[in-house]
Amino acid sequence: MKQVDIIGDVHGCLHELKELFTQLEYHWEDGIPVHPDGRLPIFLGDITDRGPASIKTIHFVYRMVVEKKVAEYVPGNHCDKLYRFFLGNPVKEKHGLETTAAEWRALPKEEQVQVREQFLKLVEASSLYLVLPEADAIIAHAGINEKLIGNYGKQAKTFVLYGDITGETLPDGRPVRRDWAQHYTGDRWIVYGHTPVLEPRFVNKTVNIDTGCVFGNKLTAFRLPEEEIVSVPSEQAFIEEKFRW
């Protein structure tokens, strides 16, 4: 069985990400983490926005996934929005995008072009979600409904990026989401993030590993086949109201 390390939402917290790789016993070769047993890191989307180092995180993930091919990545909703921003589509610079956009605009023009090209290539080279038979797992940013596994159309994309949304919104503007994991009956792991939780949330054979690093909690990885959690503490300020469970 393939050994994988699935990493929750990074959101520009590059220092914590590097510390997590050290905790996972990777060693460093030319600035890239490599595991002696050939373990495969998988980024669960939302690598940018809100945190202190979104642009450097893009470079780092791009090198691992596209250049060195030693990691995998699936996009999250923040990735999708940044992708549309870099395409020149009209998007609102809020809910975190404003931090990445400000970092990017502060770069020299030549570097702006490089970052934009790297991120577009990263997203375009990646699948909406990963089905890993060799790890008996599905990796999807906000999860996936059992009946949508194998589907890559509009309905699947909305679910994978945003969760099981009802169309309603909460007073703070966040979408109302159904707790889809309660109804999952499959025997493959579904590993997801998107909604910050104080501790990894295990429901049926699903686990939410977005432990809100950018909101001051911790950055978490889920290891398969060991079914092991490894976390490092966040260096960001703790914002309690960002955690739903």
Protein backbone atom coordinates (compact mmCIF):
# COMPACT_ATOMS: atom_id res chain seq x y z
CA MET A 1 0.00 0.00 0.00
CA LYS A 2 1.27 3.47 -0.89
CA GLN A 3 2.42 5.62 2.03
CA VAL A 4 0.97 9.13 1.87
CA ASP A 5 1.02 12.24 4.06
CA ILE A 6 -2.04 14.42 3.43
CA ILE A 7 -1.54 18.02 4.57
CA GLY A 8 -4.41 20.29 5.64
CA ASP A 9 -5.07 23.88 4.55
CA VAL A 10 -1.76 25.81 4.67
CA HIS A 11 -3.09 29.30 3.85
CA GLY A 12 0.37 30.85 3.45
CA CYS A 13 1.75 29.50 6.75
CA LEU A 14 4.99 28.35 5.14
CA HIS A 15 7.10 28.22 8.30
CA GLU A 16 4.64 25.85 9.97
CA LEU A 17 4.50 23.75 6.78
CA LYS A 18 8.28 23.29 6.80
CA GLU A 19 8.18 22.45 10.50
CA LEU A 20 5.47 19.86 9.78
CA PHE A 21 7.68 18.18 7.18
CA THR A 22 10.47 18.02 9.76
CA GLN A 23 8.06 16.44 12.28
CA LEU A 24 7.07 13.92 9.59
CA GLU A 25 10.78 12.96 9.37
CA TYR A 26 11.42 14.28 5.89
CA HIS A 27 14.94 15.47 5.15
CA TRP A 28 15.82 18.43 2.98
CA GLU A 29 17.44 18.21 -0.46
CA ASP A 30 17.95 21.50 -2.32
CA GLY A 31 15.20 23.14 -0.28
CA ILE A 32 12.70 20.33 -0.93
CA PRO A 33 11.48 17.84 1.70
CA VAL A 34 12.06 14.21 0.75
CA HIS A 35 11.13 11.21 2.88
CA PRO A 36 13.67 8.36 3.11
CA ASP A 37 10.86 5.80 2.68
CA GLY A 38 9.52 7.53 -0.43
CA ARG A 39 6.32 8.78 1.20
CA LEU A 40 4.11 11.00 -0.98
CA PRO A 41 2.95 14.38 0.41
CA ILE A 42 -0.46 15.55 -0.81
CA PHE A 43 -1.61 19.16 -0.38
CA LEU A 44 -5.33 19.42 0.34
CA GLY A 45 -5.87 22.81 -1.32
CA ASP A 46 -6.02 26.39 -0.02
CA ILE A 47 -2.26 26.83 0.05
CA THR A 48 -2.64 30.66 -0.08
CA ASP A 49 -4.61 33.57 1.43
CA ARG A 50 -4.76 35.10 4.91
CA GLY A 51 -1.34 33.85 6.07
CA PRO A 52 2.03 35.65 5.97
CA ALA A 53 3.76 33.93 3.03
CA SER A 54 1.34 33.00 0.25
CA ILE A 55 3.69 33.79 -2.64
CA LYS A 56 6.57 31.78 -1.16
CA THR A 57 4.14 28.93 -0.51
CA ILE A 58 3.15 28.94 -4.20
CA HIS A 59 6.84 28.67 -5.18
CA PHE A 60 7.39 25.87 -2.66
CA VAL A 61 4.38 23.77 -3.68
CA TYR A 62 5.03 24.39 -7.39
CA ARG A 63 8.60 23.11 -7.03
CA MET A 64 7.45 19.97 -5.22
CA VAL A 65 4.46 19.15 -7.43
CA VAL A 66 5.31 20.42 -10.93
CA GLU A 67 9.12 20.66 -11.09
CA LYS A 68 10.30 17.81 -8.87
CA LYS A 69 7.13 15.67 -9.03
CA VAL A 70 7.60 14.54 -5.43
CA ALA A 71 4.15 15.66 -4.20
CA GLU A 72 0.50 15.91 -5.28
CA TYR A 73 -1.95 18.78 -4.90
CA VAL A 74 -5.69 19.30 -5.24
CA PRO A 75 -7.20 22.80 -5.42
CA GLY A 76 -9.42 24.39 -2.78
CA ASN A 77 -11.93 27.22 -3.09
CA HIS A 78 -9.25 29.82 -2.33
CA CYS A 79 -7.07 28.27 -5.05
CA ASP A 80 -9.96 28.42 -7.50
CA LYS A 81 -10.56 32.10 -6.72
CA LEU A 82 -6.85 32.97 -7.05
CA TYR A 83 -6.79 31.05 -10.33
CA ARG A 84 -9.66 33.20 -11.65
CA PHE A 85 -7.90 36.33 -10.34
CA PHE A 86 -4.73 35.43 -12.25
CA LEU A 87 -6.78 34.78 -15.40
CA GLY A 88 -8.03 38.37 -15.11
CA ASN A 89 -11.60 37.43 -14.27
CA PRO A 90 -13.58 39.79 -12.03
CA VAL A 91 -13.35 38.49 -8.46
CA LYS A 92 -13.82 40.27 -5.14
CA GLU A 93 -10.58 40.72 -3.26
CA LYS A 94 -11.83 39.71 0.17
CA HIS A 95 -12.06 36.65 2.46
CA GLY A 96 -8.27 36.29 2.21
CA LEU A 97 -7.56 36.91 -1.46
CA GLU A 98 -6.67 40.52 -0.64
CA THR A 99 -3.56 39.35 1.28
CA THR A 100 -2.24 37.25 -1.62
CA ALA A 101 -3.09 39.96 -4.16
CA ALA A 102 -1.21 42.57 -2.09
CA GLU A 103 1.85 40.31 -1.79
CA TRP A 104 1.76 39.67 -5.53
CA ARG A 105 1.38 43.34 -6.52
CA ALA A 106 4.37 44.26 -4.33
CA LEU A 107 6.63 42.08 -6.51
CA PRO A 108 8.61 43.36 -9.50
CA LYS A 109 6.71 42.83 -12.76
CA GLU A 110 8.98 39.97 -13.86
CA GLU A 111 8.31 38.07 -10.63
CA GLN A 112 4.58 38.76 -10.91
CA VAL A 113 4.59 37.03 -14.30
CA GLN A 114 6.52 34.06 -12.90
CA VAL A 115 4.19 33.60 -9.89
CA ARG A 116 1.11 33.90 -12.06
CA GLU A 117 2.43 31.33 -14.57
CA GLN A 118 3.46 28.93 -11.81
CA PHE A 119 0.10 29.02 -10.08
CA LEU A 120 -1.91 28.65 -13.30
CA LYS A 121 0.24 25.68 -14.28
CA LEU A 122 -0.09 24.12 -10.81
CA VAL A 123 -3.89 24.26 -10.88
CA GLU A 124 -4.19 23.20 -14.52
CA ALA A 125 -1.91 20.20 -13.98
CA SER A 126 -3.94 18.99 -10.99
CA SER A 127 -7.09 16.92 -10.66
CA LEU A 128 -10.18 18.32 -8.93
CA TYR A 129 -9.79 15.53 -6.36
CA LEU A 130 -7.65 12.41 -6.07
CA VAL A 131 -8.83 8.82 -5.96
CA LEU A 132 -5.96 6.76 -4.57
CA PRO A 133 -6.74 3.03 -4.84
CA GLU A 134 -3.25 2.23 -3.56
CA ALA A 135 -3.99 4.13 -0.34
CA ASP A 136 -7.70 3.25 -0.20
CA ALA A 137 -8.51 6.96 0.00
CA ILE A 138 -10.09 9.92 -1.73
CA ILE A 139 -8.54 13.37 -1.25
CA ALA A 140 -10.96 16.26 -1.81
CA HIS A 141 -10.67 19.79 -0.43
CA ALA A 142 -14.15 20.11 1.13
CA GLY A 143 -15.04 16.43 0.82
CA ILE A 144 -17.21 14.65 -1.73
CA ASN A 145 -20.58 12.97 -1.73
CA GLU A 146 -20.31 9.22 -2.26
CA LYS A 147 -22.50 9.29 -5.37
CA LEU A 148 -20.28 11.97 -6.97
CA ILE A 149 -17.06 9.93 -6.77
CA GLY A 150 -15.90 9.51 -10.38
CA ASN A 151 -17.80 12.62 -11.48
CA TYR A 152 -15.82 15.76 -12.40
CA GLY A 153 -18.66 17.99 -13.60
CA LYS A 154 -20.07 21.23 -12.21
CA GLN A 155 -21.96 19.60 -9.32
CA ALA A 156 -18.87 17.70 -8.19
CA LYS A 157 -16.70 20.82 -8.50
CA THR A 158 -19.06 22.87 -6.32
CA PHE A 159 -19.15 20.14 -3.65
CA VAL A 160 -15.39 19.52 -3.67
CA LEU A 161 -14.51 23.23 -3.44
CA TYR A 162 -17.26 24.49 -1.10
CA GLY A 163 -18.83 21.47 0.62
CA ASP A 164 -22.48 20.46 0.68
CA ILE A 165 -23.86 24.00 0.54
CA THR A 166 -27.60 24.73 0.85
CA GLY A 167 -27.60 28.08 -0.96
CA GLU A 168 -28.29 29.93 2.29
CA THR A 169 -25.78 32.12 4.10
CA LEU A 170 -24.95 32.69 7.75
CA PRO A 171 -25.01 36.23 9.26
CA ASP A 172 -21.23 36.54 8.71
CA GLY A 173 -21.59 35.72 5.01
CA ARG A 174 -20.38 32.11 5.15
CA PRO A 175 -22.50 29.55 3.28
CA VAL A 176 -24.68 27.13 5.25
CA ARG A 177 -23.32 23.61 4.76
CA ARG A 178 -24.86 20.21 5.43
CA ASP A 179 -22.77 17.77 7.47
CA TRP A 180 -22.32 15.32 4.58
CA ALA A 181 -19.81 13.15 6.50
CA GLN A 182 -22.59 11.93 8.82
CA HIS A 183 -24.16 10.11 5.87
CA TYR A 184 -21.00 8.60 4.36
CA THR A 185 -21.14 4.80 4.28
CA GLY A 186 -18.11 3.98 2.12
CA ASP A 187 -15.10 1.93 3.19
CA ARG A 188 -12.48 4.21 1.60
CA TRP A 189 -11.11 7.14 3.58
CA ILE A 190 -12.29 10.57 2.49
CA VAL A 191 -9.70 13.09 3.67
CA TYR A 192 -10.73 16.74 3.47
CA GLY A 193 -10.35 20.18 5.04
CA HIS A 194 -11.99 23.53 4.23
CA THR A 195 -13.88 24.04 7.52
CA PRO A 196 -11.53 24.85 10.43
CA VAL A 197 -11.77 22.47 13.39
CA LEU A 198 -9.82 22.57 16.66
CA GLU A 199 -9.02 18.85 16.43
CA PRO A 200 -9.11 16.51 13.40
CA ARG A 201 -12.74 15.48 13.02
CA PHE A 202 -13.36 11.79 12.43
CA VAL A 203 -16.88 10.87 11.26
CA ASN A 204 -17.52 7.43 9.74
CA LYS A 205 -14.52 6.89 7.43
CA THR A 206 -13.89 10.60 6.86
CA VAL A 207 -11.49 13.01 8.51
CA ASN A 208 -11.36 16.81 8.37
CA ILE A 209 -7.73 17.89 8.87
CA ASP A 210 -8.10 21.66 8.45
CA THR A 211 -7.09 22.50 12.01
CA GLY A 212 -7.01 26.23 11.30
CA CYS A 213 -3.29 26.98 11.24
CA VAL A 214 -3.90 30.46 9.83
CA PHE A 215 -6.33 31.12 12.69
CA GLY A 216 -3.76 30.28 15.35
CA ASN A 217 -4.43 26.59 16.08
CA LYS A 218 -2.21 24.06 14.27
CA LEU A 219 -1.24 22.55 10.92
CA THR A 220 -2.09 18.87 10.56
CA ALA A 221 -1.17 15.91 8.38
CA PHE A 222 -2.98 12.57 8.15
CA ARG A 223 -0.75 9.60 7.33
CA LEU A 224 -1.93 6.52 5.49
CA PRO A 225 -1.90 3.56 5.82
CA GLU A 226 -0.99 4.24 9.47
CA GLU A 227 -4.13 6.38 10.06
CA GLU A 228 -1.89 8.63 12.14
CA ILE A 229 -2.28 12.36 12.89
CA VAL A 230 0.79 14.61 13.10
CA SER A 231 0.41 18.32 13.93
CA VAL A 232 2.58 21.35 14.63
CA PRO A 233 1.40 24.46 16.52
CA SER A 234 0.57 27.64 14.62
CA GLU A 235 2.60 30.84 14.96
CA GLN A 236 -0.44 32.98 14.09
CA ALA A 237 -2.81 34.76 16.48
CA PHE A 238 -5.64 32.54 17.76
CA ILE A 239 -9.13 33.55 16.54
CA GLU A 240 -11.63 31.39 18.41
CA GLU A 241 -14.75 32.33 16.43
CA LYS A 242 -13.30 30.82 13.24
CA PHE A 243 -13.77 27.28 14.56
CA ARG A 244 -17.09 25.59 13.98
CA TRP A 245 -16.63 22.38 15.99
